[in-house]
Amino acid sequence: MDTMMYLFDCTMDPGDLGLPQAHQAMQIHKFCTVDNCLVRRRARQILVDKGQMVLGTRAPYPRT
């Protein structure tokens, strides 16, 4: 199945995402938390790993 389809389902890990897809996933799941959304969790980790996002000191890290 296309990775893009997985971006809409919080219960499925989308796997590797490029930076544009990770940014899009964060927008799509802006009301989700990394505790209950596998897409947001994966996207956040990719953005942090690529230096595109810096977590605050209160953010649970790493959350895998």
PDB file of N, CA and C in Angstrom:
ATOM      1  N   MET A   1       0.844  -1.191   0.000  1.00  0.00           N
ATOM      2  CA  MET A   1       0.000   0.000   0.000  1.00  0.00           C
ATOM      3  C   MET A   1       0.881   1.244   0.000  1.00  0.00           C
ATOM      4  N   ASP A   2       0.406   2.273  -0.579  1.00  0.00           N
ATOM      5  CA  ASP A   2       1.120   3.547  -0.688  1.00  0.00           C
ATOM      6  C   ASP A   2       1.324   4.163   0.703  1.00  0.00           C
ATOM      7  N   THR A   3       2.525   4.678   0.948  1.00  0.00           N
ATOM      8  CA  THR A   3       2.838   5.309   2.227  1.00  0.00           C
ATOM      9  C   THR A   3       1.877   6.447   2.523  1.00  0.00           C
ATOM     10  N   MET A   4       1.456   7.157   1.498  1.00  0.00           N
ATOM     11  CA  MET A   4       0.543   8.287   1.692  1.00  0.00           C
ATOM     12  C   MET A   4      -0.755   7.852   2.368  1.00  0.00           C
ATOM     13  N   MET A   5      -1.226   6.659   2.043  1.00  0.00           N
ATOM     14  CA  MET A   5      -2.459   6.167   2.654  1.00  0.00           C
ATOM     15  C   MET A   5      -2.278   5.959   4.157  1.00  0.00           C
ATOM     16  N   TYR A   6      -1.087   5.532   4.562  1.00  0.00           N
ATOM     17  CA  TYR A   6      -0.825   5.294   5.978  1.00  0.00           C
ATOM     18  C   TYR A   6      -0.769   6.589   6.787  1.00  0.00           C
ATOM     19  N   LEU A   7      -0.589   7.706   6.141  1.00  0.00           N
ATOM     20  CA  LEU A   7      -0.515   8.971   6.865  1.00  0.00           C
ATOM     21  C   LEU A   7      -1.833   9.352   7.530  1.00  0.00           C
ATOM     22  N   PHE A   8      -2.909   8.741   7.151  1.00  0.00           N
ATOM     23  CA  PHE A   8      -4.215   9.105   7.698  1.00  0.00           C
ATOM     24  C   PHE A   8      -4.688   8.180   8.812  1.00  0.00           C
ATOM     25  N   ASP A   9      -3.978   7.088   9.073  1.00  0.00           N
ATOM     26  CA  ASP A   9      -4.401   6.092  10.052  1.00  0.00           C
ATOM     27  C   ASP A   9      -3.461   6.117  11.254  1.00  0.00           C
ATOM     28  N   CYS A  10      -3.948   6.627  12.380  1.00  0.00           N
ATOM     29  CA  CYS A  10      -3.137   6.764  13.586  1.00  0.00           C
ATOM     30  C   CYS A  10      -2.624   5.434  14.121  1.00  0.00           C
ATOM     31  N   THR A  11      -3.281   4.350  13.753  1.00  0.00           N
ATOM     32  CA  THR A  11      -2.934   3.045  14.315  1.00  0.00           C
ATOM     33  C   THR A  11      -1.876   2.305  13.514  1.00  0.00           C
ATOM     34  N   MET A  12      -1.443   2.870  12.384  1.00  0.00           N
ATOM     35  CA  MET A  12      -0.462   2.191  11.541  1.00  0.00           C
ATOM     36  C   MET A  12       0.803   3.023  11.423  1.00  0.00           C
ATOM     37  N   ASP A  13       1.937   2.395  11.721  1.00  0.00           N
ATOM     38  CA  ASP A  13       3.225   3.063  11.560  1.00  0.00           C
ATOM     39  C   ASP A  13       3.500   3.208  10.067  1.00  0.00           C
ATOM     40  N   PRO A  14       3.712   4.435   9.585  1.00  0.00           N
ATOM     41  CA  PRO A  14       3.910   4.625   8.146  1.00  0.00           C
ATOM     42  C   PRO A  14       5.294   4.212   7.651  1.00  0.00           C
ATOM     43  N   GLY A  15       6.199   3.881   8.550  1.00  0.00           N
ATOM     44  CA  GLY A  15       7.548   3.514   8.123  1.00  0.00           C
ATOM     45  C   GLY A  15       8.360   4.753   7.794  1.00  0.00           C
ATOM     46  N   ASP A  16       9.376   4.570   6.969  1.00  0.00           N
ATOM     47  CA  ASP A  16      10.239   5.694   6.606  1.00  0.00           C
ATOM     48  C   ASP A  16       9.464   6.763   5.852  1.00  0.00           C
ATOM     49  N   LEU A  17       9.666   7.985   6.264  1.00  0.00           N
ATOM     50  CA  LEU A  17       9.058   9.141   5.604  1.00  0.00           C
ATOM     51  C   LEU A  17      10.171  10.099   5.213  1.00  0.00           C
ATOM     52  N   GLY A  18       9.993  10.776   4.100  1.00  0.00           N
ATOM     53  CA  GLY A  18      10.888  11.865   3.744  1.00  0.00           C
ATOM     54  C   GLY A  18      10.508  13.089   4.563  1.00  0.00           C
ATOM     55  N   LEU A  19      11.340  14.110   4.521  1.00  0.00           N
ATOM     56  CA  LEU A  19      11.036  15.319   5.280  1.00  0.00           C
ATOM     57  C   LEU A  19       9.700  15.946   4.888  1.00  0.00           C
ATOM     58  N   PRO A  20       9.379  16.077   3.587  1.00  0.00           N
ATOM     59  CA  PRO A  20       8.076  16.652   3.243  1.00  0.00           C
ATOM     60  C   PRO A  20       6.910  15.824   3.796  1.00  0.00           C
ATOM     61  N   GLN A  21       7.034  14.506   3.735  1.00  0.00           N
ATOM     62  CA  GLN A  21       5.968  13.646   4.265  1.00  0.00           C
ATOM     63  C   GLN A  21       5.872  13.767   5.782  1.00  0.00           C
ATOM     64  N   ALA A  22       7.007  13.861   6.458  1.00  0.00           N
ATOM     65  CA  ALA A  22       6.992  14.000   7.915  1.00  0.00           C
ATOM     66  C   ALA A  22       6.320  15.312   8.321  1.00  0.00           C
ATOM     67  N   HIS A  23       6.626  16.386   7.625  1.00  0.00           N
ATOM     68  CA  HIS A  23       5.981  17.673   7.906  1.00  0.00           C
ATOM     69  C   HIS A  23       4.475  17.576   7.653  1.00  0.00           C
ATOM     70  N   GLN A  24       4.098  16.937   6.553  1.00  0.00           N
ATOM     71  CA  GLN A  24       2.675  16.784   6.236  1.00  0.00           C
ATOM     72  C   GLN A  24       1.972  15.938   7.292  1.00  0.00           C
ATOM     73  N   ALA A  25       2.621  14.881   7.735  1.00  0.00           N
ATOM     74  CA  ALA A  25       2.040  14.022   8.760  1.00  0.00           C
ATOM     75  C   ALA A  25       1.805  14.799  10.052  1.00  0.00           C
ATOM     76  N   MET A  26       2.745  15.655  10.414  1.00  0.00           N
ATOM     77  CA  MET A  26       2.570  16.466  11.623  1.00  0.00           C
ATOM     78  C   MET A  26       1.382  17.416  11.484  1.00  0.00           C
ATOM     79  N   GLN A  27       1.160  17.941  10.287  1.00  0.00           N
ATOM     80  CA  GLN A  27       0.006  18.818  10.059  1.00  0.00           C
ATOM     81  C   GLN A  27      -1.305  18.029  10.123  1.00  0.00           C
ATOM     82  N   ILE A  28      -1.322  16.870   9.486  1.00  0.00           N
ATOM     83  CA  ILE A  28      -2.529  16.041   9.476  1.00  0.00           C
ATOM     84  C   ILE A  28      -2.907  15.617  10.890  1.00  0.00           C
ATOM     85  N   HIS A  29      -1.908  15.310  11.707  1.00  0.00           N
ATOM     86  CA  HIS A  29      -2.146  14.776  13.053  1.00  0.00           C
ATOM     87  C   HIS A  29      -1.852  15.795  14.148  1.00  0.00           C
ATOM     88  N   LYS A  30      -2.107  17.060  13.865  1.00  0.00           N
ATOM     89  CA  LYS A  30      -1.774  18.117  14.820  1.00  0.00           C
ATOM     90  C   LYS A  30      -2.575  18.039  16.122  1.00  0.00           C
ATOM     91  N   PHE A  31      -3.701  17.342  16.108  1.00  0.00           N
ATOM     92  CA  PHE A  31      -4.486  17.206  17.328  1.00  0.00           C
ATOM     93  C   PHE A  31      -4.226  15.886  18.043  1.00  0.00           C
ATOM     94  N   CYS A  32      -3.312  15.092  17.517  1.00  0.00           N
ATOM     95  CA  CYS A  32      -2.937  13.810  18.125  1.00  0.00           C
ATOM     96  C   CYS A  32      -1.739  14.019  19.050  1.00  0.00           C
ATOM     97  N   THR A  33      -1.490  13.017  19.871  1.00  0.00           N
ATOM     98  CA  THR A  33      -0.278  13.007  20.694  1.00  0.00           C
ATOM     99  C   THR A  33       0.585  11.837  20.260  1.00  0.00           C
ATOM    100  N   VAL A  34       1.868  11.903  20.588  1.00  0.00           N
ATOM    101  CA  VAL A  34       2.751  10.794  20.242  1.00  0.00           C
ATOM    102  C   VAL A  34       2.439   9.558  21.075  1.00  0.00           C
ATOM    103  N   ASP A  35       1.706   9.733  22.156  1.00  0.00           N
ATOM    104  CA  ASP A  35       1.316   8.587  22.981  1.00  0.00           C
ATOM    105  C   ASP A  35       0.287   7.704  22.297  1.00  0.00           C
ATOM    106  N   ASN A  36      -0.583   8.305  21.481  1.00  0.00           N
ATOM    107  CA  ASN A  36      -1.666   7.508  20.892  1.00  0.00           C
ATOM    108  C   ASN A  36      -1.690   7.515  19.366  1.00  0.00           C
ATOM    109  N   CYS A  37      -0.713   8.107  18.725  1.00  0.00           N
ATOM    110  CA  CYS A  37      -0.706   8.191  17.266  1.00  0.00           C
ATOM    111  C   CYS A  37       0.649   7.757  16.716  1.00  0.00           C
ATOM    112  N   LEU A  38       0.673   6.627  16.047  1.00  0.00           N
ATOM    113  CA  LEU A  38       1.920   6.101  15.495  1.00  0.00           C
ATOM    114  C   LEU A  38       2.469   6.969  14.372  1.00  0.00           C
ATOM    115  N   VAL A  39       1.591   7.629  13.632  1.00  0.00           N
ATOM    116  CA  VAL A  39       2.043   8.488  12.537  1.00  0.00           C
ATOM    117  C   VAL A  39       2.763   9.713  13.095  1.00  0.00           C
ATOM    118  N   ARG A  40       2.165  10.369  14.053  1.00  0.00           N
ATOM    119  CA  ARG A  40       2.796  11.547  14.654  1.00  0.00           C
ATOM    120  C   ARG A  40       4.101  11.162  15.345  1.00  0.00           C
ATOM    121  N   ARG A  41       4.118  10.028  16.027  1.00  0.00           N
ATOM    122  CA  ARG A  41       5.324   9.557  16.698  1.00  0.00           C
ATOM    123  C   ARG A  41       6.465   9.358  15.699  1.00  0.00           C
ATOM    124  N   ARG A  42       6.169   8.699  14.572  1.00  0.00           N
ATOM    125  CA  ARG A  42       7.196   8.449  13.550  1.00  0.00           C
ATOM    126  C   ARG A  42       7.654   9.762  12.919  1.00  0.00           C
ATOM    127  N   ALA A  43       6.700  10.628  12.575  1.00  0.00           N
ATOM    128  CA  ALA A  43       7.042  11.897  11.938  1.00  0.00           C
ATOM    129  C   ALA A  43       7.901  12.757  12.862  1.00  0.00           C
ATOM    130  N   ARG A  44       7.528  12.824  14.127  1.00  0.00           N
ATOM    131  CA  ARG A  44       8.303  13.623  15.080  1.00  0.00           C
ATOM    132  C   ARG A  44       9.728  13.090  15.183  1.00  0.00           C
ATOM    133  N   GLN A  45       9.886  11.779  15.273  1.00  0.00           N
ATOM    134  CA  GLN A  45      11.214  11.193  15.399  1.00  0.00           C
ATOM    135  C   GLN A  45      12.081  11.500  14.176  1.00  0.00           C
ATOM    136  N   ILE A  46      11.477  11.436  12.994  1.00  0.00           N
ATOM    137  CA  ILE A  46      12.209  11.756  11.767  1.00  0.00           C
ATOM    138  C   ILE A  46      12.646  13.215  11.772  1.00  0.00           C
ATOM    139  N   LEU A  47      11.755  14.108  12.143  1.00  0.00           N
ATOM    140  CA  LEU A  47      12.088  15.535  12.164  1.00  0.00           C
ATOM    141  C   LEU A  47      13.176  15.838  13.193  1.00  0.00           C
ATOM    142  N   VAL A  48      13.126  15.185  14.338  1.00  0.00           N
ATOM    143  CA  VAL A  48      14.160  15.373  15.355  1.00  0.00           C
ATOM    144  C   VAL A  48      15.487  14.827  14.845  1.00  0.00           C
ATOM    145  N   ASP A  49      15.466  13.618  14.292  1.00  0.00           N
ATOM    146  CA  ASP A  49      16.700  12.995  13.789  1.00  0.00           C
ATOM    147  C   ASP A  49      17.361  13.819  12.686  1.00  0.00           C
ATOM    148  N   LYS A  50      16.554  14.475  11.861  1.00  0.00           N
ATOM    149  CA  LYS A  50      17.082  15.271  10.748  1.00  0.00           C
ATOM    150  C   LYS A  50      17.393  16.714  11.144  1.00  0.00           C
ATOM    151  N   GLY A  51      17.197  17.050  12.423  1.00  0.00           N
ATOM    152  CA  GLY A  51      17.509  18.393  12.893  1.00  0.00           C
ATOM    153  C   GLY A  51      16.471  19.435  12.512  1.00  0.00           C
ATOM    154  N   GLN A  52      15.289  19.002  12.121  1.00  0.00           N
ATOM    155  CA  GLN A  52      14.234  19.930  11.716  1.00  0.00           C
ATOM    156  C   GLN A  52      13.329  20.322  12.885  1.00  0.00           C
ATOM    157  N   MET A  53      13.480  19.616  14.007  1.00  0.00           N
ATOM    158  CA  MET A  53      12.636  19.863  15.174  1.00  0.00           C
ATOM    159  C   MET A  53      13.495  19.657  16.416  1.00  0.00           C
ATOM    160  N   VAL A  54      13.344  20.539  17.377  1.00  0.00           N
ATOM    161  CA  VAL A  54      14.033  20.416  18.651  1.00  0.00           C
ATOM    162  C   VAL A  54      12.965  20.288  19.722  1.00  0.00           C
ATOM    163  N   LEU A  55      13.068  19.228  20.506  1.00  0.00           N
ATOM    164  CA  LEU A  55      12.078  19.010  21.551  1.00  0.00           C
ATOM    165  C   LEU A  55      12.397  19.830  22.783  1.00  0.00           C
ATOM    166  N   GLY A  56      11.356  20.284  23.446  1.00  0.00           N
ATOM    167  CA  GLY A  56      11.529  20.997  24.698  1.00  0.00           C
ATOM    168  C   GLY A  56      11.943  20.033  25.795  1.00  0.00           C
ATOM    169  N   THR A  57      12.347  20.566  26.925  1.00  0.00           N
ATOM    170  CA  THR A  57      12.831  19.723  28.014  1.00  0.00           C
ATOM    171  C   THR A  57      11.723  18.867  28.626  1.00  0.00           C
ATOM    172  N   ARG A  58      10.465  19.251  28.486  1.00  0.00           N
ATOM    173  CA  ARG A  58       9.365  18.477  29.041  1.00  0.00           C
ATOM    174  C   ARG A  58       8.878  17.376  28.104  1.00  0.00           C
ATOM    175  N   ALA A  59       9.306  17.405  26.856  1.00  0.00           N
ATOM    176  CA  ALA A  59       8.862  16.406  25.882  1.00  0.00           C
ATOM    177  C   ALA A  59       9.454  15.041  26.214  1.00  0.00           C
ATOM    178  N   PRO A  60       8.602  14.023  26.202  1.00  0.00           N
ATOM    179  CA  PRO A  60       9.126  12.673  26.420  1.00  0.00           C
ATOM    180  C   PRO A  60      10.015  12.271  25.256  1.00  0.00           C
ATOM    181  N   TYR A  61      11.258  11.969  25.531  1.00  0.00           N
ATOM    182  CA  TYR A  61      12.191  11.634  24.457  1.00  0.00           C
ATOM    183  C   TYR A  61      13.144  10.554  24.912  1.00  0.00           C
ATOM    184  N   PRO A  62      13.486   9.602  24.087  1.00  0.00           N
ATOM    185  CA  PRO A  62      12.778   9.323  22.836  1.00  0.00           C
ATOM    186  C   PRO A  62      11.499   8.550  23.115  1.00  0.00           C
ATOM    187  N   ARG A  63      10.530   8.756  22.343  1.00  0.00           N
ATOM    188  CA  ARG A  63       9.245   8.077  22.492  1.00  0.00           C
ATOM    189  C   ARG A  63       9.103   7.150  21.305  1.00  0.00           C
ATOM    190  N   THR A  64       9.471   5.913  21.462  1.00  0.00           N
ATOM    191  CA  THR A  64       9.395   4.948  20.359  1.00  0.00           C
ATOM    192  C   THR A  64       8.518   3.779  20.699  1.00  0.00           C
TER     193      THR A  64
END
